[in-house]
């Protein structure tokens, strides 16, 4: 009996996640957990059992993109120009945040700490993956001293959130990113 329940729970999780991906793509971070439950045909308590917070749901939906950004950071680590590599990765983060509704909210820091139920696993994964990129750029004198990956993620999220309702969110985000890079460059 317990094995059947686990199989049902796994199926429910997969169905909830698939519907959540569609809802987040359509409505962004404001996707309704109740609507997701209705579409899946389960109670909202079942959705909340799998995803106790909106952040947990957004992180699960963003997981593939986060994995791609982490892989991209590792791929760029050996690029000759450490500044160009870091900026290329950061540009990818901004683009992903603008393109993938809900990703910026999944990356936003909210002071919840490192509690796995309330922490920010997406940002933690990006910080770990991009750490070597930033460290190399800092060693080369290519970024201002004291800049952290957390700072860069916060800037990316801010740009994405500030432009999400703009008529041309991608163009505006790219413009703000270029302005930010000018401010990040050492004198």
Protein backbone atom coordinates (compact mmCIF):
# COMPACT_ATOMS: atom_id res chain seq x y z
CA UNK A 1 0.00 0.00 0.00
CA UNK A 2 2.79 2.47 0.91
CA UNK A 3 4.51 1.78 -2.42
CA UNK A 4 1.30 2.61 -4.29
CA UNK A 5 0.96 5.85 -2.32
CA UNK A 6 4.54 6.79 -3.21
CA UNK A 7 3.83 6.07 -6.88
CA UNK A 8 0.68 8.22 -6.68
CA UNK A 9 2.65 10.99 -4.97
CA UNK A 10 5.31 10.87 -7.71
CA UNK A 11 2.64 11.03 -10.41
CA UNK A 12 0.90 13.92 -8.63
CA UNK A 13 4.21 15.76 -8.31
CA UNK A 14 4.97 15.33 -12.03
CA UNK A 15 1.46 16.45 -13.04
CA UNK A 16 1.53 19.43 -10.66
CA UNK A 17 4.95 20.49 -11.95
CA UNK A 18 3.87 20.21 -15.61
CA UNK A 19 0.77 22.34 -15.00
CA UNK A 20 2.80 24.77 -12.86
CA UNK A 21 5.26 25.25 -15.72
CA UNK A 22 2.36 26.22 -18.01
CA UNK A 23 0.80 28.53 -15.41
CA UNK A 24 4.09 30.28 -14.61
CA UNK A 25 4.82 30.69 -18.33
CA UNK A 26 1.40 32.31 -18.74
CA UNK A 27 1.15 34.33 -15.52
CA UNK A 28 4.68 34.60 -14.16
CA UNK A 29 5.38 34.49 -10.45
CA UNK A 30 1.72 35.28 -9.71
CA UNK A 31 0.54 31.88 -10.97
CA UNK A 32 -2.29 30.66 -8.77
CA UNK A 33 -1.60 27.56 -6.70
CA UNK A 34 -5.35 26.99 -6.48
CA UNK A 35 -5.69 27.13 -10.28
CA UNK A 36 -2.85 24.64 -10.62
CA UNK A 37 -4.64 22.32 -8.18
CA UNK A 38 -7.92 22.67 -10.12
CA UNK A 39 -6.29 21.87 -13.47
CA UNK A 40 -4.46 18.86 -12.04
CA UNK A 41 -7.59 17.67 -10.27
CA UNK A 42 -6.16 17.61 -6.75
CA UNK A 43 -6.79 19.65 -3.65
CA UNK A 44 -4.73 22.73 -2.93
CA UNK A 45 -3.37 20.90 0.14
CA UNK A 46 -1.79 18.34 -2.21
CA UNK A 47 -0.08 21.12 -4.16
CA UNK A 48 1.13 22.70 -0.92
CA UNK A 49 2.40 19.36 0.36
CA UNK A 50 4.70 19.15 -2.66
CA UNK A 51 5.43 22.89 -2.79
CA UNK A 52 5.02 24.43 0.69
CA UNK A 53 5.80 27.93 -0.59
CA UNK A 54 5.41 29.84 -3.83
CA UNK A 55 9.22 30.09 -3.91
CA UNK A 56 9.48 26.27 -3.79
CA UNK A 57 7.12 26.03 -6.76
CA UNK A 58 8.99 28.71 -8.74
CA UNK A 59 12.33 27.04 -8.00
CA UNK A 60 11.03 23.69 -9.24
CA UNK A 61 9.70 25.31 -12.42
CA UNK A 62 13.01 27.16 -12.96
CA UNK A 63 15.21 24.13 -12.28
CA UNK A 64 16.05 23.35 -15.94
CA UNK A 65 17.00 26.95 -16.69
CA UNK A 66 19.06 27.19 -13.52
CA UNK A 67 20.90 24.01 -14.50
CA UNK A 68 21.57 25.50 -17.94
CA UNK A 69 22.92 28.72 -16.39
CA UNK A 70 25.15 26.71 -14.06
CA UNK A 71 26.47 24.66 -16.98
CA UNK A 72 27.07 27.87 -18.93
CA UNK A 73 29.12 29.33 -16.04
CA UNK A 74 31.31 26.21 -15.96
CA UNK A 75 31.68 26.34 -19.74
CA UNK A 76 32.84 29.98 -19.65
CA UNK A 77 35.30 29.49 -16.78
CA UNK A 78 38.21 28.70 -19.13
CA UNK A 79 37.52 31.50 -21.61
CA UNK A 80 40.64 33.64 -22.20
CA UNK A 81 39.10 37.00 -21.28
CA UNK A 82 37.80 36.62 -17.71
CA UNK A 83 35.82 39.89 -17.83
CA UNK A 84 34.16 38.95 -21.12
CA UNK A 85 33.33 35.50 -19.73
CA UNK A 86 31.74 36.94 -16.59
CA UNK A 87 29.76 39.53 -18.55
CA UNK A 88 28.61 36.94 -21.08
CA UNK A 89 27.31 34.75 -18.26
CA UNK A 90 25.69 37.69 -16.50
CA UNK A 91 24.04 38.69 -19.78
CA UNK A 92 22.68 35.14 -20.04
CA UNK A 93 21.24 35.44 -16.52
CA UNK A 94 19.52 38.72 -17.41
CA UNK A 95 18.16 37.26 -20.67
CA UNK A 96 16.89 34.13 -18.93
CA UNK A 97 15.25 36.21 -16.21
CA UNK A 98 13.48 38.35 -18.80
CA UNK A 99 12.50 35.42 -21.06
CA UNK A 100 11.43 32.95 -18.37
CA UNK A 101 8.52 34.40 -16.47
CA UNK A 102 8.88 33.65 -12.79
CA UNK A 103 12.65 33.06 -12.91
CA UNK A 104 13.50 36.49 -11.53
CA UNK A 105 11.14 35.90 -8.61
CA UNK A 106 12.74 32.49 -8.01
CA UNK A 107 16.15 34.17 -7.84
CA UNK A 108 15.11 37.14 -5.71
CA UNK A 109 16.63 37.27 -2.25
CA UNK A 110 14.04 37.75 0.45
CA UNK A 111 16.08 37.35 3.61
CA UNK A 112 14.53 33.98 4.34
CA UNK A 113 17.91 32.48 5.12
CA UNK A 114 19.20 29.06 4.27
CA UNK A 115 16.28 26.97 5.51
CA UNK A 116 15.65 24.55 2.60
CA UNK A 117 11.89 25.13 2.83
CA UNK A 118 12.30 28.91 2.64
CA UNK A 119 15.84 29.48 1.31
CA UNK A 120 16.88 30.30 -2.20
CA UNK A 121 18.22 27.15 -3.81
CA UNK A 122 18.26 28.65 -7.31
CA UNK A 123 20.47 31.56 -6.31
CA UNK A 124 22.67 29.28 -4.21
CA UNK A 125 23.28 27.04 -7.23
CA UNK A 126 24.13 30.03 -9.42
CA UNK A 127 26.42 31.49 -6.77
CA UNK A 128 28.35 28.23 -6.56
CA UNK A 129 28.59 27.83 -10.34
CA UNK A 130 29.58 31.45 -11.05
CA UNK A 131 31.99 31.78 -8.12
CA UNK A 132 35.01 30.68 -10.18
CA UNK A 133 34.08 33.10 -13.00
CA UNK A 134 33.95 36.04 -10.61
CA UNK A 135 37.06 34.97 -8.68
CA UNK A 136 39.06 34.78 -11.91
CA UNK A 137 37.78 38.17 -13.10
CA UNK A 138 38.63 39.68 -9.70
CA UNK A 139 42.16 38.20 -9.79
CA UNK A 140 42.60 39.74 -13.25
CA UNK A 141 41.43 43.14 -11.97
CA UNK A 142 38.47 42.99 -14.35
CA UNK A 143 35.78 43.82 -11.78
CA UNK A 144 35.57 46.19 -8.87
CA UNK A 145 36.91 44.70 -5.64
CA UNK A 146 34.27 43.37 -3.29
CA UNK A 147 31.67 42.49 -5.94
CA UNK A 148 29.95 39.20 -5.11
CA UNK A 149 27.92 36.77 -7.20
CA UNK A 150 25.02 37.63 -4.92
CA UNK A 151 25.41 41.28 -6.00
CA UNK A 152 25.35 40.26 -9.65
CA UNK A 153 22.26 38.07 -9.22
CA UNK A 154 20.50 40.88 -7.36
CA UNK A 155 21.27 43.30 -10.21
CA UNK A 156 20.05 40.79 -12.79
CA UNK A 157 16.82 40.18 -10.89
CA UNK A 158 16.30 43.91 -10.45
CA UNK A 159 16.73 44.53 -14.15
CA UNK A 160 14.33 41.71 -15.04
CA UNK A 161 11.68 42.81 -12.56
CA UNK A 162 12.01 46.47 -13.58
CA UNK A 163 11.48 45.66 -17.24
CA UNK A 164 8.95 42.81 -17.18
CA UNK A 165 6.01 45.10 -18.07
CA UNK A 166 7.92 47.28 -20.52
CA UNK A 167 6.76 47.25 -24.16
CA UNK A 168 10.15 45.80 -25.14
CA UNK A 169 11.35 44.02 -22.00
CA UNK A 170 14.34 42.37 -23.69
CA UNK A 171 15.57 45.59 -25.30
CA UNK A 172 15.11 47.59 -22.12
CA UNK A 173 16.80 44.90 -20.03
CA UNK A 174 19.78 44.85 -22.40
CA UNK A 175 20.02 48.64 -22.18
CA UNK A 176 19.96 48.58 -18.38
CA UNK A 177 22.46 45.72 -18.33
CA UNK A 178 24.91 47.73 -20.47
CA UNK A 179 24.48 50.66 -18.08
CA UNK A 180 25.10 48.37 -15.11
CA UNK A 181 28.25 46.95 -16.71
CA UNK A 182 29.62 50.44 -17.16
CA UNK A 183 29.06 50.99 -13.44
CA UNK A 184 30.72 47.67 -12.54
CA UNK A 185 33.87 48.31 -14.54
CA UNK A 186 36.99 49.33 -12.61
CA UNK A 187 38.38 52.80 -13.21
